[in-house]
Amino acid sequence: MAVFDRLQQLKELKKMRDEAMTIQRALDEETVEVEKHGVKVKITLAQRVVSIDSGGRGDDDVVEAINDAIKESQKQAARKMQQMGGFDSLKGMMGGS
């Protein structure tokens, strides 16, 4: 019986991994563009920077624009994951109900 339980656990882990990969791919497909102080940042919902156009601005402006882009991508990623049932999958991974 222990072998069967172990196989079931492995199947469940593979299923959760596949779901996580599907969510990751979906988050990588969508981007957010933020402009702040003349700096344009394009970032995926998985927080991968696609492009930065500093427009000749200083480092502080670039850092602020990047941080804003990350915040916005996190908000949109949370909405996307909710639509895809991602939070339920994550709860399952963490042992929640």
PDB file of N, CA and C in Angstrom:
ATOM      1  N   MET A   1       0.821  -1.201   0.000  1.00  0.00           N
ATOM      2  CA  MET A   1       0.000   0.000   0.000  1.00  0.00           C
ATOM      3  C   MET A   1       0.863   1.262   0.000  1.00  0.00           C
ATOM      4  N   ALA A   2       2.017   1.217   0.654  1.00  0.00           N
ATOM      5  CA  ALA A   2       2.882   2.383   0.741  1.00  0.00           C
ATOM      6  C   ALA A   2       3.398   2.795  -0.638  1.00  0.00           C
ATOM      7  N   VAL A   3       3.680   1.836  -1.492  1.00  0.00           N
ATOM      8  CA  VAL A   3       4.158   2.133  -2.843  1.00  0.00           C
ATOM      9  C   VAL A   3       3.074   2.860  -3.622  1.00  0.00           C
ATOM     10  N   PHE A   4       1.832   2.395  -3.490  1.00  0.00           N
ATOM     11  CA  PHE A   4       0.708   3.044  -4.176  1.00  0.00           C
ATOM     12  C   PHE A   4       0.546   4.473  -3.691  1.00  0.00           C
ATOM     13  N   ASP A   5       0.645   4.703  -2.376  1.00  0.00           N
ATOM     14  CA  ASP A   5       0.542   6.054  -1.825  1.00  0.00           C
ATOM     15  C   ASP A   5       1.648   6.949  -2.373  1.00  0.00           C
ATOM     16  N   ARG A   6       2.827   6.398  -2.474  1.00  0.00           N
ATOM     17  CA  ARG A   6       3.974   7.154  -2.988  1.00  0.00           C
ATOM     18  C   ARG A   6       3.748   7.543  -4.453  1.00  0.00           C
ATOM     19  N   LEU A   7       3.221   6.613  -5.243  1.00  0.00           N
ATOM     20  CA  LEU A   7       2.920   6.905  -6.646  1.00  0.00           C
ATOM     21  C   LEU A   7       1.856   7.983  -6.759  1.00  0.00           C
ATOM     22  N   GLN A   8       0.854   7.928  -5.906  1.00  0.00           N
ATOM     23  CA  GLN A   8      -0.202   8.953  -5.910  1.00  0.00           C
ATOM     24  C   GLN A   8       0.386  10.323  -5.583  1.00  0.00           C
ATOM     25  N   GLN A   9       1.298  10.363  -4.617  1.00  0.00           N
ATOM     26  CA  GLN A   9       1.953  11.621  -4.256  1.00  0.00           C
ATOM     27  C   GLN A   9       2.756  12.164  -5.437  1.00  0.00           C
ATOM     28  N   LEU A  10       3.470  11.298  -6.119  1.00  0.00           N
ATOM     29  CA  LEU A  10       4.261  11.720  -7.276  1.00  0.00           C
ATOM     30  C   LEU A  10       3.368  12.238  -8.391  1.00  0.00           C
ATOM     31  N   LYS A  11       2.244  11.580  -8.621  1.00  0.00           N
ATOM     32  CA  LYS A  11       1.300  12.041  -9.642  1.00  0.00           C
ATOM     33  C   LYS A  11       0.748  13.417  -9.281  1.00  0.00           C
ATOM     34  N   GLU A  12       0.428  13.603  -8.014  1.00  0.00           N
ATOM     35  CA  GLU A  12      -0.109  14.890  -7.556  1.00  0.00           C
ATOM     36  C   GLU A  12       0.937  15.997  -7.691  1.00  0.00           C
ATOM     37  N   LEU A  13       2.191  15.682  -7.351  1.00  0.00           N
ATOM     38  CA  LEU A  13       3.265  16.663  -7.508  1.00  0.00           C
ATOM     39  C   LEU A  13       3.468  17.042  -8.974  1.00  0.00           C
ATOM     40  N   LYS A  14       3.412  16.068  -9.861  1.00  0.00           N
ATOM     41  CA  LYS A  14       3.548  16.355 -11.288  1.00  0.00           C
ATOM     42  C   LYS A  14       2.402  17.240 -11.767  1.00  0.00           C
ATOM     43  N   LYS A  15       1.199  16.955 -11.307  1.00  0.00           N
ATOM     44  CA  LYS A  15       0.033  17.756 -11.686  1.00  0.00           C
ATOM     45  C   LYS A  15       0.211  19.206 -11.218  1.00  0.00           C
ATOM     46  N   MET A  16       0.656  19.396  -9.973  1.00  0.00           N
ATOM     47  CA  MET A  16       0.861  20.746  -9.449  1.00  0.00           C
ATOM     48  C   MET A  16       1.969  21.463 -10.217  1.00  0.00           C
ATOM     49  N   ARG A  17       3.028  20.746 -10.564  1.00  0.00           N
ATOM     50  CA  ARG A  17       4.122  21.336 -11.333  1.00  0.00           C
ATOM     51  C   ARG A  17       3.633  21.768 -12.707  1.00  0.00           C
ATOM     52  N   ASP A  18       2.845  20.915 -13.348  1.00  0.00           N
ATOM     53  CA  ASP A  18       2.298  21.249 -14.665  1.00  0.00           C
ATOM     54  C   ASP A  18       1.411  22.486 -14.588  1.00  0.00           C
ATOM     55  N   GLU A  19       0.590  22.570 -13.541  1.00  0.00           N
ATOM     56  CA  GLU A  19      -0.275  23.744 -13.358  1.00  0.00           C
ATOM     57  C   GLU A  19       0.564  25.003 -13.142  1.00  0.00           C
ATOM     58  N   ALA A  20       1.613  24.888 -12.341  1.00  0.00           N
ATOM     59  CA  ALA A  20       2.490  26.032 -12.090  1.00  0.00           C
ATOM     60  C   ALA A  20       3.183  26.482 -13.375  1.00  0.00           C
ATOM     61  N   MET A  21       3.605  25.544 -14.195  1.00  0.00           N
ATOM     62  CA  MET A  21       4.254  25.883 -15.468  1.00  0.00           C
ATOM     63  C   MET A  21       3.271  26.571 -16.414  1.00  0.00           C
ATOM     64  N   THR A  22       2.029  26.124 -16.419  1.00  0.00           N
ATOM     65  CA  THR A  22       1.001  26.749 -17.256  1.00  0.00           C
ATOM     66  C   THR A  22       0.778  28.183 -16.829  1.00  0.00           C
ATOM     67  N   ILE A  23       0.699  28.397 -15.527  1.00  0.00           N
ATOM     68  CA  ILE A  23       0.520  29.755 -14.998  1.00  0.00           C
ATOM     69  C   ILE A  23       1.730  30.612 -15.356  1.00  0.00           C
ATOM     70  N   GLN A  24       2.927  30.075 -15.189  1.00  0.00           N
ATOM     71  CA  GLN A  24       4.152  30.821 -15.497  1.00  0.00           C
ATOM     72  C   GLN A  24       4.181  31.246 -16.953  1.00  0.00           C
ATOM     73  N   ARG A  25       3.831  30.323 -17.855  1.00  0.00           N
ATOM     74  CA  ARG A  25       3.810  30.663 -19.288  1.00  0.00           C
ATOM     75  C   ARG A  25       2.794  31.768 -19.575  1.00  0.00           C
ATOM     76  N   ALA A  26       1.630  31.678 -18.950  1.00  0.00           N
ATOM     77  CA  ALA A  26       0.599  32.698 -19.165  1.00  0.00           C
ATOM     78  C   ALA A  26       1.076  34.059 -18.662  1.00  0.00           C
ATOM     79  N   LEU A  27       1.776  34.087 -17.534  1.00  0.00           N
ATOM     80  CA  LEU A  27       2.279  35.348 -16.982  1.00  0.00           C
ATOM     81  C   LEU A  27       3.395  35.922 -17.849  1.00  0.00           C
ATOM     82  N   ASP A  28       4.160  35.060 -18.490  1.00  0.00           N
ATOM     83  CA  ASP A  28       5.237  35.516 -19.374  1.00  0.00           C
ATOM     84  C   ASP A  28       4.714  36.080 -20.693  1.00  0.00           C
ATOM     85  N   GLU A  29       3.495  35.696 -21.073  1.00  0.00           N
ATOM     86  CA  GLU A  29       2.931  36.146 -22.343  1.00  0.00           C
ATOM     87  C   GLU A  29       2.377  37.567 -22.287  1.00  0.00           C
ATOM     88  N   GLU A  30       2.018  38.043 -21.106  1.00  0.00           N
ATOM     89  CA  GLU A  30       1.417  39.371 -20.986  1.00  0.00           C
ATOM     90  C   GLU A  30       2.415  40.359 -20.404  1.00  0.00           C
ATOM     91  N   THR A  31       2.330  41.594 -20.882  1.00  0.00           N
ATOM     92  CA  THR A  31       3.257  42.621 -20.418  1.00  0.00           C
ATOM     93  C   THR A  31       2.514  43.840 -19.888  1.00  0.00           C
ATOM     94  N   VAL A  32       3.245  44.607 -19.090  1.00  0.00           N
ATOM     95  CA  VAL A  32       2.772  45.876 -18.539  1.00  0.00           C
ATOM     96  C   VAL A  32       3.784  46.926 -18.971  1.00  0.00           C
ATOM     97  N   GLU A  33       3.281  48.088 -19.371  1.00  0.00           N
ATOM     98  CA  GLU A  33       4.167  49.191 -19.712  1.00  0.00           C
ATOM     99  C   GLU A  33       3.853  50.345 -18.772  1.00  0.00           C
ATOM    100  N   VAL A  34       4.889  50.849 -18.126  1.00  0.00           N
ATOM    101  CA  VAL A  34       4.740  51.950 -17.177  1.00  0.00           C
ATOM    102  C   VAL A  34       5.670  53.078 -17.608  1.00  0.00           C
ATOM    103  N   GLU A  35       5.161  54.307 -17.522  1.00  0.00           N
ATOM    104  CA  GLU A  35       6.000  55.473 -17.796  1.00  0.00           C
ATOM    105  C   GLU A  35       5.951  56.377 -16.573  1.00  0.00           C
ATOM    106  N   LYS A  36       7.135  56.746 -16.099  1.00  0.00           N
ATOM    107  CA  LYS A  36       7.234  57.611 -14.930  1.00  0.00           C
ATOM    108  C   LYS A  36       8.454  58.506 -15.106  1.00  0.00           C
ATOM    109  N   HIS A  37       8.258  59.793 -14.942  1.00  0.00           N
ATOM    110  CA  HIS A  37       9.346  60.774 -15.080  1.00  0.00           C
ATOM    111  C   HIS A  37      10.091  60.634 -16.409  1.00  0.00           C
ATOM    112  N   GLY A  38       9.359  60.297 -17.467  1.00  0.00           N
ATOM    113  CA  GLY A  38       9.984  60.169 -18.772  1.00  0.00           C
ATOM    114  C   GLY A  38      10.688  58.846 -19.022  1.00  0.00           C
ATOM    115  N   VAL A  39      10.624  57.928 -18.065  1.00  0.00           N
ATOM    116  CA  VAL A  39      11.238  56.612 -18.205  1.00  0.00           C
ATOM    117  C   VAL A  39      10.132  55.612 -18.527  1.00  0.00           C
ATOM    118  N   LYS A  40      10.343  54.814 -19.570  1.00  0.00           N
ATOM    119  CA  LYS A  40       9.372  53.791 -19.957  1.00  0.00           C
ATOM    120  C   LYS A  40       9.950  52.418 -19.643  1.00  0.00           C
ATOM    121  N   VAL A  41       9.152  51.595 -18.937  1.00  0.00           N
ATOM    122  CA  VAL A  41       9.573  50.241 -18.586  1.00  0.00           C
ATOM    123  C   VAL A  41       8.493  49.277 -19.057  1.00  0.00           C
ATOM    124  N   LYS A  42       8.923  48.231 -19.745  1.00  0.00           N
ATOM    125  CA  LYS A  42       8.020  47.167 -20.175  1.00  0.00           C
ATOM    126  C   LYS A  42       8.458  45.898 -19.467  1.00  0.00           C
ATOM    127  N   ILE A  43       7.500  45.238 -18.783  1.00  0.00           N
ATOM    128  CA  ILE A  43       7.820  44.078 -17.964  1.00  0.00           C
ATOM    129  C   ILE A  43       6.706  43.047 -18.106  1.00  0.00           C
ATOM    130  N   THR A  44       7.048  41.759 -18.052  1.00  0.00           N
ATOM    131  CA  THR A  44       6.025  40.726 -18.121  1.00  0.00           C
ATOM    132  C   THR A  44       5.341  40.610 -16.761  1.00  0.00           C
ATOM    133  N   LEU A  45       4.199  39.933 -16.745  1.00  0.00           N
ATOM    134  CA  LEU A  45       3.512  39.713 -15.471  1.00  0.00           C
ATOM    135  C   LEU A  45       4.298  38.757 -14.577  1.00  0.00           C
ATOM    136  N   ALA A  46       5.303  38.097 -15.139  1.00  0.00           N
ATOM    137  CA  ALA A  46       6.201  37.245 -14.350  1.00  0.00           C
ATOM    138  C   ALA A  46       7.409  38.040 -13.859  1.00  0.00           C
ATOM    139  N   GLN A  47       7.348  39.360 -13.983  1.00  0.00           N
ATOM    140  CA  GLN A  47       8.380  40.301 -13.554  1.00  0.00           C
ATOM    141  C   GLN A  47       9.706  40.141 -14.280  1.00  0.00           C
ATOM    142  N   ARG A  48       9.655  39.831 -15.558  1.00  0.00           N
ATOM    143  CA  ARG A  48      10.854  39.808 -16.396  1.00  0.00           C
ATOM    144  C   ARG A  48      10.867  41.108 -17.197  1.00  0.00           C
ATOM    145  N   VAL A  49      11.941  41.858 -17.066  1.00  0.00           N
ATOM    146  CA  VAL A  49      12.052  43.133 -17.770  1.00  0.00           C
ATOM    147  C   VAL A  49      12.240  42.855 -19.256  1.00  0.00           C
ATOM    148  N   VAL A  50      11.378  43.473 -20.071  1.00  0.00           N
ATOM    149  CA  VAL A  50      11.449  43.322 -21.522  1.00  0.00           C
ATOM    150  C   VAL A  50      12.275  44.466 -22.106  1.00  0.00           C
ATOM    151  N   SER A  51      11.993  45.698 -21.646  1.00  0.00           N
ATOM    152  CA  SER A  51      12.750  46.843 -22.160  1.00  0.00           C
ATOM    153  C   SER A  51      12.685  48.008 -21.184  1.00  0.00           C
ATOM    154  N   ILE A  52      13.707  48.853 -21.261  1.00  0.00           N
ATOM    155  CA  ILE A  52      13.774  50.095 -20.486  1.00  0.00           C
ATOM    156  C   ILE A  52      14.237  51.191 -21.431  1.00  0.00           C
ATOM    157  N   ASP A  53      13.450  52.256 -21.499  1.00  0.00           N
ATOM    158  CA  ASP A  53      13.834  53.442 -22.267  1.00  0.00           C
ATOM    159  C   ASP A  53      13.977  54.572 -21.255  1.00  0.00           C
ATOM    160  N   SER A  54      15.216  54.906 -20.925  1.00  0.00           N
ATOM    161  CA  SER A  54      15.459  55.889 -19.864  1.00  0.00           C
ATOM    162  C   SER A  54      15.227  57.312 -20.327  1.00  0.00           C
ATOM    163  N   GLY A  55      15.171  57.523 -21.620  1.00  0.00           N
ATOM    164  CA  GLY A  55      14.963  58.882 -22.122  1.00  0.00           C
ATOM    165  C   GLY A  55      16.001  59.855 -21.592  1.00  0.00           C
ATOM    166  N   GLY A  56      17.185  59.337 -21.268  1.00  0.00           N
ATOM    167  CA  GLY A  56      18.258  60.189 -20.759  1.00  0.00           C
ATOM    168  C   GLY A  56      18.087  60.589 -19.301  1.00  0.00           C
ATOM    169  N   ARG A  57      17.138  59.980 -18.610  1.00  0.00           N
ATOM    170  CA  ARG A  57      16.876  60.325 -17.206  1.00  0.00           C
ATOM    171  C   ARG A  57      17.931  59.691 -16.296  1.00  0.00           C
ATOM    172  N   GLY A  58      17.989  60.187 -15.067  1.00  0.00           N
ATOM    173  CA  GLY A  58      18.948  59.687 -14.090  1.00  0.00           C
ATOM    174  C   GLY A  58      18.557  58.353 -13.494  1.00  0.00           C
ATOM    175  N   ASP A  59      19.509  57.755 -12.789  1.00  0.00           N
ATOM    176  CA  ASP A  59      19.301  56.434 -12.192  1.00  0.00           C
ATOM    177  C   ASP A  59      18.108  56.393 -11.247  1.00  0.00           C
ATOM    178  N   ASP A  60      17.912  57.435 -10.434  1.00  0.00           N
ATOM    179  CA  ASP A  60      16.799  57.443  -9.480  1.00  0.00           C
ATOM    180  C   ASP A  60      15.461  57.337 -10.197  1.00  0.00           C
ATOM    181  N   ASP A  61      15.323  58.047 -11.317  1.00  0.00           N
ATOM    182  CA  ASP A  61      14.083  57.983 -12.087  1.00  0.00           C
ATOM    183  C   ASP A  61      13.883  56.593 -12.690  1.00  0.00           C
ATOM    184  N   VAL A  62      14.964  55.988 -13.158  1.00  0.00           N
ATOM    185  CA  VAL A  62      14.886  54.648 -13.739  1.00  0.00           C
ATOM    186  C   VAL A  62      14.472  53.641 -12.673  1.00  0.00           C
ATOM    187  N   VAL A  63      15.098  53.701 -11.510  1.00  0.00           N
ATOM    188  CA  VAL A  63      14.773  52.786 -10.411  1.00  0.00           C
ATOM    189  C   VAL A  63      13.307  52.943 -10.007  1.00  0.00           C
ATOM    190  N   GLU A  64      12.836  54.167  -9.894  1.00  0.00           N
ATOM    191  CA  GLU A  64      11.438  54.412  -9.510  1.00  0.00           C
ATOM    192  C   GLU A  64      10.473  53.853 -10.554  1.00  0.00           C
ATOM    193  N   ALA A  65      10.795  54.031 -11.829  1.00  0.00           N
ATOM    194  CA  ALA A  65       9.934  53.505 -12.897  1.00  0.00           C
ATOM    195  C   ALA A  65       9.917  51.978 -12.883  1.00  0.00           C
ATOM    196  N   ILE A  66      11.065  51.366 -12.660  1.00  0.00           N
ATOM    197  CA  ILE A  66      11.130  49.901 -12.593  1.00  0.00           C
ATOM    198  C   ILE A  66      10.308  49.393 -11.419  1.00  0.00           C
ATOM    199  N   ASN A  67      10.443  50.015 -10.271  1.00  0.00           N
ATOM    200  CA  ASN A  67       9.677  49.591  -9.100  1.00  0.00           C
ATOM    201  C   ASN A  67       8.177  49.720  -9.340  1.00  0.00           C
ATOM    202  N   ASP A  68       7.752  50.800  -9.992  1.00  0.00           N
ATOM    203  CA  ASP A  68       6.332  50.964 -10.314  1.00  0.00           C
ATOM    204  C   ASP A  68       5.859  49.891 -11.287  1.00  0.00           C
ATOM    205  N   ALA A  69       6.694  49.564 -12.263  1.00  0.00           N
ATOM    206  CA  ALA A  69       6.337  48.523 -13.226  1.00  0.00           C
ATOM    207  C   ALA A  69       6.197  47.171 -12.529  1.00  0.00           C
ATOM    208  N   ILE A  70       7.086  46.885 -11.600  1.00  0.00           N
ATOM    209  CA  ILE A  70       7.006  45.618 -10.859  1.00  0.00           C
ATOM    210  C   ILE A  70       5.719  45.567 -10.045  1.00  0.00           C
ATOM    211  N   LYS A  71       5.394  46.647  -9.353  1.00  0.00           N
ATOM    212  CA  LYS A  71       4.158  46.678  -8.560  1.00  0.00           C
ATOM    213  C   LYS A  71       2.939  46.439  -9.440  1.00  0.00           C
ATOM    214  N   GLU A  72       2.891  47.113 -10.583  1.00  0.00           N
ATOM    215  CA  GLU A  72       1.746  46.965 -11.485  1.00  0.00           C
ATOM    216  C   GLU A  72       1.682  45.547 -12.051  1.00  0.00           C
ATOM    217  N   SER A  73       2.827  44.981 -12.393  1.00  0.00           N
ATOM    218  CA  SER A  73       2.823  43.619 -12.933  1.00  0.00           C
ATOM    219  C   SER A  73       2.373  42.619 -11.869  1.00  0.00           C
ATOM    220  N   GLN A  74       2.728  42.856 -10.613  1.00  0.00           N
ATOM    221  CA  GLN A  74       2.286  41.973  -9.532  1.00  0.00           C
ATOM    222  C   GLN A  74       0.773  42.028  -9.361  1.00  0.00           C
ATOM    223  N   LYS A  75       0.204  43.226  -9.443  1.00  0.00           N
ATOM    224  CA  LYS A  75      -1.259  43.366  -9.334  1.00  0.00           C
ATOM    225  C   LYS A  75      -1.949  42.617 -10.462  1.00  0.00           C
ATOM    226  N   GLN A  76      -1.459  42.824 -11.684  1.00  0.00           N
ATOM    227  CA  GLN A  76      -2.086  42.177 -12.833  1.00  0.00           C
ATOM    228  C   GLN A  76      -1.850  40.667 -12.816  1.00  0.00           C
ATOM    229  N   ALA A  77      -0.696  40.242 -12.338  1.00  0.00           N
ATOM    230  CA  ALA A  77      -0.411  38.807 -12.235  1.00  0.00           C
ATOM    231  C   ALA A  77      -1.359  38.150 -11.234  1.00  0.00           C
ATOM    232  N   ALA A  78      -1.620  38.821 -10.125  1.00  0.00           N
ATOM    233  CA  ALA A  78      -2.541  38.279  -9.129  1.00  0.00           C
ATOM    234  C   ALA A  78      -3.936  38.114  -9.728  1.00  0.00           C
ATOM    235  N   ARG A  79      -4.382  39.113 -10.494  1.00  0.00           N
ATOM    236  CA  ARG A  79      -5.692  39.007 -11.151  1.00  0.00           C
ATOM    237  C   ARG A  79      -5.698  37.848 -12.147  1.00  0.00           C
ATOM    238  N   LYS A  80      -4.630  37.720 -12.927  1.00  0.00           N
ATOM    239  CA  LYS A  80      -4.537  36.660 -13.930  1.00  0.00           C
ATOM    240  C   LYS A  80      -4.552  35.292 -13.256  1.00  0.00           C
ATOM    241  N   MET A  81      -3.788  35.150 -12.193  1.00  0.00           N
ATOM    242  CA  MET A  81      -3.739  33.874 -11.483  1.00  0.00           C
ATOM    243  C   MET A  81      -5.092  33.531 -10.881  1.00  0.00           C
ATOM    244  N   GLN A  82      -5.781  34.537 -10.394  1.00  0.00           N
ATOM    245  CA  GLN A  82      -7.104  34.309  -9.825  1.00  0.00           C
ATOM    246  C   GLN A  82      -8.052  33.803 -10.911  1.00  0.00           C
ATOM    247  N   GLN A  83      -7.978  34.392 -12.099  1.00  0.00           N
ATOM    248  CA  GLN A  83      -8.810  33.954 -13.215  1.00  0.00           C
ATOM    249  C   GLN A  83      -8.495  32.515 -13.613  1.00  0.00           C
ATOM    250  N   MET A  84      -7.236  32.142 -13.497  1.00  0.00           N
ATOM    251  CA  MET A  84      -6.804  30.804 -13.907  1.00  0.00           C
ATOM    252  C   MET A  84      -6.938  29.775 -12.784  1.00  0.00           C
ATOM    253  N   GLY A  85      -7.402  30.195 -11.629  1.00  0.00           N
ATOM    254  CA  GLY A  85      -7.499  29.279 -10.503  1.00  0.00           C
ATOM    255  C   GLY A  85      -6.172  29.044  -9.830  1.00  0.00           C
ATOM    256  N   GLY A  86      -5.213  29.933 -10.056  1.00  0.00           N
ATOM    257  CA  GLY A  86      -3.865  29.762  -9.521  1.00  0.00           C
ATOM    258  C   GLY A  86      -3.787  29.783  -8.018  1.00  0.00           C
ATOM    259  N   PHE A  87      -4.602  30.625  -7.381  1.00  0.00           N
ATOM    260  CA  PHE A  87      -4.535  30.690  -5.929  1.00  0.00           C
ATOM    261  C   PHE A  87      -5.028  29.386  -5.307  1.00  0.00           C
ATOM    262  N   ASP A  88      -6.045  28.778  -5.908  1.00  0.00           N
ATOM    263  CA  ASP A  88      -6.518  27.501  -5.394  1.00  0.00           C
ATOM    264  C   ASP A  88      -5.438  26.438  -5.525  1.00  0.00           C
ATOM    265  N   SER A  89      -4.726  26.461  -6.658  1.00  0.00           N
ATOM    266  CA  SER A  89      -3.643  25.505  -6.850  1.00  0.00           C
ATOM    267  C   SER A  89      -2.545  25.710  -5.823  1.00  0.00           C
ATOM    268  N   LEU A  90      -2.219  26.992  -5.565  1.00  0.00           N
ATOM    269  CA  LEU A  90      -1.182  27.281  -4.587  1.00  0.00           C
ATOM    270  C   LEU A  90      -1.598  26.839  -3.192  1.00  0.00           C
ATOM    271  N   LYS A  91      -2.867  27.050  -2.840  1.00  0.00           N
ATOM    272  CA  LYS A  91      -3.346  26.611  -1.528  1.00  0.00           C
ATOM    273  C   LYS A  91      -3.189  25.094  -1.400  1.00  0.00           C
ATOM    274  N   GLY A  92      -3.496  24.395  -2.483  1.00  0.00           N
ATOM    275  CA  GLY A  92      -3.350  22.950  -2.472  1.00  0.00           C
ATOM    276  C   GLY A  92      -1.924  22.516  -2.248  1.00  0.00           C
ATOM    277  N   MET A  93      -0.979  23.258  -2.866  1.00  0.00           N
ATOM    278  CA  MET A  93       0.437  22.938  -2.700  1.00  0.00           C
ATOM    279  C   MET A  93       0.891  23.161  -1.271  1.00  0.00           C
ATOM    280  N   MET A  94       0.290  24.148  -0.618  1.00  0.00           N
ATOM    281  CA  MET A  94       0.708  24.503   0.734  1.00  0.00           C
ATOM    282  C   MET A  94      -0.069  23.710   1.787  1.00  0.00           C
ATOM    283  N   GLY A  95      -0.943  22.814   1.353  1.00  0.00           N
ATOM    284  CA  GLY A  95      -1.686  22.001   2.304  1.00  0.00           C
ATOM    285  C   GLY A  95      -2.945  22.669   2.797  1.00  0.00           C
ATOM    286  N   GLY A  96      -3.324  23.802   2.207  1.00  0.00           N
ATOM    287  CA  GLY A  96      -4.554  24.483   2.610  1.00  0.00           C
ATOM    288  C   GLY A  96      -5.754  23.874   1.938  1.00  0.00           C
ATOM    289  N   SER A  97      -6.915  24.335   2.377  1.00  0.00           N
ATOM    290  CA  SER A  97      -8.136  23.795   1.769  1.00  0.00           C
ATOM    291  C   SER A  97      -8.950  24.870   1.114  1.00  0.00           C
TER     292      SER A  97
END
